[in-house]
N, C-alpha and C. Protein backbone atom coordinates (compact mmCIF):
# COMPACT_ATOMS: atom_id res chain seq x y z
N MET A 1 1.19 -1.18 -0.05
CA MET A 1 -0.36 0.19 -0.06
C MET A 1 0.80 1.10 -0.07
N THR A 2 0.36 2.60 -0.67
CA THR A 2 1.46 3.05 -1.02
C THR A 2 1.03 4.21 0.60
N ARG A 3 1.66 5.41 0.44
CA ARG A 3 1.46 6.72 1.32
C ARG A 3 0.13 6.73 0.96
N GLU A 4 -0.13 7.95 -0.33
CA GLU A 4 -1.35 8.14 -0.52
C GLU A 4 -2.89 7.47 -0.54
N GLU A 5 -2.86 5.81 -0.72
CA GLU A 5 -3.18 4.83 -0.43
C GLU A 5 -3.88 4.73 0.75
N PHE A 6 -2.69 4.72 1.82
CA PHE A 6 -2.64 4.80 3.34
C PHE A 6 -3.65 5.79 3.66
N LEU A 7 -3.46 7.10 3.62
CA LEU A 7 -4.13 8.23 3.70
C LEU A 7 -5.48 8.57 3.37
N LEU A 8 -5.90 7.65 2.12
CA LEU A 8 -7.09 8.06 1.33
C LEU A 8 -7.89 6.75 2.46
N GLU A 9 -7.53 5.52 2.74
CA GLU A 9 -8.29 4.78 3.92
C GLU A 9 -8.36 5.73 4.91
N MET A 10 -7.50 6.04 5.66
CA MET A 10 -7.66 6.75 6.60
C MET A 10 -8.41 7.73 6.62
N ASP A 11 -8.62 8.29 5.72
CA ASP A 11 -9.44 9.59 5.42
C ASP A 11 -10.93 9.17 5.61
N GLY A 12 -11.14 8.10 5.15
CA GLY A 12 -12.59 7.03 4.74
C GLY A 12 -12.81 6.74 5.87
N MET A 13 -12.01 6.06 6.98
CA MET A 13 -12.18 5.59 8.49
C MET A 13 -12.33 6.68 9.56
N LEU A 14 -11.91 7.88 9.32
CA LEU A 14 -12.33 8.97 9.91
C LEU A 14 -13.39 10.05 9.24
N GLY A 15 -14.19 9.60 8.54
CA GLY A 15 -15.28 10.24 8.04
C GLY A 15 -14.61 11.67 7.17
N LEU A 16 -13.64 11.50 6.75
CA LEU A 16 -12.79 12.94 6.05
C LEU A 16 -13.10 12.69 4.34
N ARG A 17 -13.05 13.99 3.84
CA ARG A 17 -12.98 14.13 2.67
C ARG A 17 -11.81 13.27 1.72
N PRO A 18 -12.02 12.35 0.99
CA PRO A 18 -10.60 12.14 0.42
C PRO A 18 -9.67 12.95 0.28
N GLY A 19 -8.28 12.56 0.45
CA GLY A 19 -7.49 13.88 0.56
C GLY A 19 -7.23 14.61 1.03
N THR A 20 -8.32 14.73 2.63
CA THR A 20 -7.89 15.82 3.45
C THR A 20 -6.41 15.45 4.57
N LEU A 21 -6.44 14.43 4.67
CA LEU A 21 -4.99 14.04 5.18
C LEU A 21 -3.84 14.44 4.87
N ARG A 22 -2.38 14.86 5.13
CA ARG A 22 -1.63 14.86 4.78
C ARG A 22 -0.24 14.09 5.42
N GLY A 23 0.02 13.76 6.57
CA GLY A 23 0.84 13.54 7.64
C GLY A 23 1.14 14.47 8.54
N THR A 24 0.97 15.39 8.95
CA THR A 24 1.27 16.15 9.43
C THR A 24 0.43 16.65 10.54
N GLU A 25 -1.20 16.43 10.27
CA GLU A 25 -2.07 16.57 11.37
C GLU A 25 -1.89 15.40 12.87
N LYS A 26 -1.89 16.15 13.82
CA LYS A 26 -2.02 15.94 15.39
C LYS A 26 -3.55 15.03 15.28
N LEU A 27 -3.21 13.71 15.84
CA LEU A 27 -4.39 12.98 15.97
C LEU A 27 -5.23 13.39 17.06
N GLU A 28 -4.89 14.56 18.14
CA GLU A 28 -5.97 14.79 19.31
C GLU A 28 -6.50 15.63 18.60
N GLU A 29 -6.42 16.42 17.32
CA GLU A 29 -6.85 17.52 16.75
C GLU A 29 -7.65 17.15 15.96
N LEU A 30 -7.77 15.68 15.61
CA LEU A 30 -8.75 15.20 15.09
C LEU A 30 -10.05 14.97 15.55
N GLU A 31 -10.90 15.23 14.94
CA GLU A 31 -12.58 14.98 15.23
C GLU A 31 -12.58 13.85 15.94
N SER A 32 -13.00 12.95 15.19
CA SER A 32 -13.31 11.84 14.90
C SER A 32 -12.25 10.54 15.28
N TRP A 33 -11.07 10.71 16.25
CA TRP A 33 -10.14 9.80 16.39
C TRP A 33 -10.18 9.52 17.80
N ASP A 34 -10.71 8.43 17.69
CA ASP A 34 -11.74 7.67 19.31
C ASP A 34 -10.98 6.47 19.39
N SER A 35 -11.53 5.55 19.85
CA SER A 35 -11.18 4.38 20.34
C SER A 35 -11.33 3.27 19.19
N THR A 36 -12.72 4.05 18.43
CA THR A 36 -12.72 2.74 17.09
C THR A 36 -12.07 3.06 16.61
N ALA A 37 -11.29 4.50 16.16
CA ALA A 37 -10.88 4.67 15.23
C ALA A 37 -9.05 3.92 15.20
N LEU A 38 -8.98 4.25 16.49
CA LEU A 38 -7.50 3.24 17.16
C LEU A 38 -7.75 2.08 16.52
N VAL A 39 -8.74 1.56 16.63
CA VAL A 39 -8.14 -0.22 16.33
C VAL A 39 -8.60 0.16 14.94
N GLY A 40 -9.45 0.67 14.24
CA GLY A 40 -9.67 0.14 12.51
C GLY A 40 -8.43 1.33 12.11
N MET A 41 -7.45 1.13 12.63
CA MET A 41 -5.82 2.15 12.28
C MET A 41 -4.89 0.56 12.77
N ILE A 42 -5.38 -0.13 13.77
CA ILE A 42 -3.99 -1.04 13.87
C ILE A 42 -4.41 -2.31 12.43
N VAL A 43 -5.78 -2.26 12.27
CA VAL A 43 -6.11 -3.46 11.17
C VAL A 43 -5.82 -2.60 9.64
N LEU A 44 -5.97 -1.26 9.92
CA LEU A 44 -5.23 -0.81 8.41
C LEU A 44 -3.72 -0.93 8.47
N ALA A 45 -2.95 -0.93 9.26
CA ALA A 45 -1.85 -0.42 9.15
C ALA A 45 -0.58 -2.01 9.20
N GLU A 46 -1.67 -2.79 10.08
CA GLU A 46 -1.12 -4.44 9.56
C GLU A 46 -1.47 -4.91 8.14
N SER A 47 -2.63 -4.57 7.54
CA SER A 47 -2.45 -4.67 6.25
C SER A 47 -2.19 -4.26 5.36
N ALA A 48 -1.38 -3.05 5.72
CA ALA A 48 -0.50 -2.16 4.46
C ALA A 48 0.76 -2.56 4.70
N ASN A 49 1.00 -3.58 5.37
CA ASN A 49 2.79 -4.21 5.28
C ASN A 49 2.82 -5.59 6.34
N ASP A 50 1.70 -6.37 6.07
CA ASP A 50 1.56 -7.58 6.75
C ASP A 50 2.59 -8.01 7.57
N THR A 51 2.10 -7.21 8.67
CA THR A 51 2.75 -7.51 10.29
C THR A 51 2.13 -6.99 11.27
N GLU A 52 2.45 -7.74 12.13
CA GLU A 52 2.11 -7.24 14.09
C GLU A 52 2.13 -5.70 13.93
N ILE A 53 1.33 -5.19 14.39
CA ILE A 53 1.20 -3.88 15.33
C ILE A 53 0.59 -3.94 16.73
N SER A 54 1.55 -3.46 17.52
CA SER A 54 0.70 -3.54 19.04
C SER A 54 -0.42 -1.88 19.38
N LEU A 55 -1.22 -2.45 19.96
CA LEU A 55 -1.82 -1.27 20.67
C LEU A 55 -0.75 -0.15 21.08
N ASP A 56 -0.11 -0.65 21.41
CA ASP A 56 0.63 0.26 22.34
C ASP A 56 1.87 1.34 21.28
N GLU A 57 1.87 0.97 20.24
CA GLU A 57 2.31 1.25 19.40
C GLU A 57 1.34 2.42 18.08
N VAL A 58 0.55 2.46 18.32
CA VAL A 58 -0.47 3.22 18.13
C VAL A 58 -0.72 4.31 19.26
N VAL A 59 -1.14 3.78 20.00
CA VAL A 59 -1.08 4.67 21.07
C VAL A 59 -0.12 5.70 21.34
N GLY A 60 0.96 5.10 21.28
CA GLY A 60 2.11 6.13 21.21
C GLY A 60 2.42 6.76 19.98
N CYS A 61 1.40 7.02 19.01
CA CYS A 61 1.40 7.91 17.80
C CYS A 61 1.02 9.00 18.33
N SER A 62 1.80 10.40 17.82
CA SER A 62 0.87 11.72 18.29
C SER A 62 0.17 12.10 16.80
N THR A 63 0.99 12.00 15.68
CA THR A 63 0.72 12.58 14.58
C THR A 63 0.66 11.34 13.40
N VAL A 64 -0.69 11.95 12.23
CA VAL A 64 -0.88 10.88 11.40
C VAL A 64 0.62 10.33 10.50
N GLY A 65 1.49 11.00 10.64
CA GLY A 65 2.72 10.88 10.18
C GLY A 65 3.28 9.55 11.07
N ASP A 66 3.05 9.42 12.48
CA ASP A 66 3.79 8.86 13.30
C ASP A 66 2.92 7.26 12.61
N LEU A 67 1.86 7.47 12.37
CA LEU A 67 0.58 6.21 12.01
C LEU A 67 1.60 6.21 10.83
N LEU A 68 1.68 6.72 9.77
CA LEU A 68 2.41 6.26 8.35
C LEU A 68 3.99 5.26 8.70
N ARG A 69 4.27 5.66 9.74
CA ARG A 69 5.96 5.29 9.94
C ARG A 69 5.66 3.60 10.72
N ILE A 70 4.65 3.56 11.55
CA ILE A 70 4.37 2.51 12.13
C ILE A 70 3.98 1.69 11.23
N ALA A 71 2.89 2.22 9.75
CA ALA A 71 2.35 1.09 8.79
C ALA A 71 3.36 0.62 8.03
N GLY A 72 4.87 1.64 8.05
CA GLY A 72 5.54 1.17 6.97
C GLY A 72 5.56 1.82 5.82
N VAL A 73 4.74 3.23 5.67
CA VAL A 73 4.36 3.80 4.31
C VAL A 73 4.58 5.10 4.58
N GLU A 74 5.60 5.76 5.29
CA GLU A 74 5.61 7.13 5.58
C GLU A 74 6.48 7.64 4.07
N GLY A 75 7.27 7.14 3.24
CA GLY A 75 7.15 7.65 2.14
C GLY A 75 7.91 9.14 2.15
N ASN A 76 7.69 9.83 1.13
CA ASN A 76 7.72 10.96 1.36
C ASN A 76 6.82 12.00 1.83
N CYS A 77 7.22 13.02 3.26
CA CYS A 77 6.22 13.46 3.40
C CYS A 77 6.00 14.82 2.93
N CYS A 78 4.62 15.08 3.16
CA CYS A 78 4.09 16.16 2.36
C CYS A 78 4.79 17.03 1.92
């Protein structure tokens, strides 16, 4: 999964317009970032690179870019 595909999936998961997320956003500032989104992010991150992501890894993230990093799709930043 590419960085752009991952961001589009995150947009959908969070109920945002496609193309909204860029990677620099703080998770705490996203209105729809909650426990359901957190679990969905684990599933998305694991499917992005066929690896296991722990709850602690996601909880330790403070930005969308951090999520991109643990999912292995950070690529070029904005």
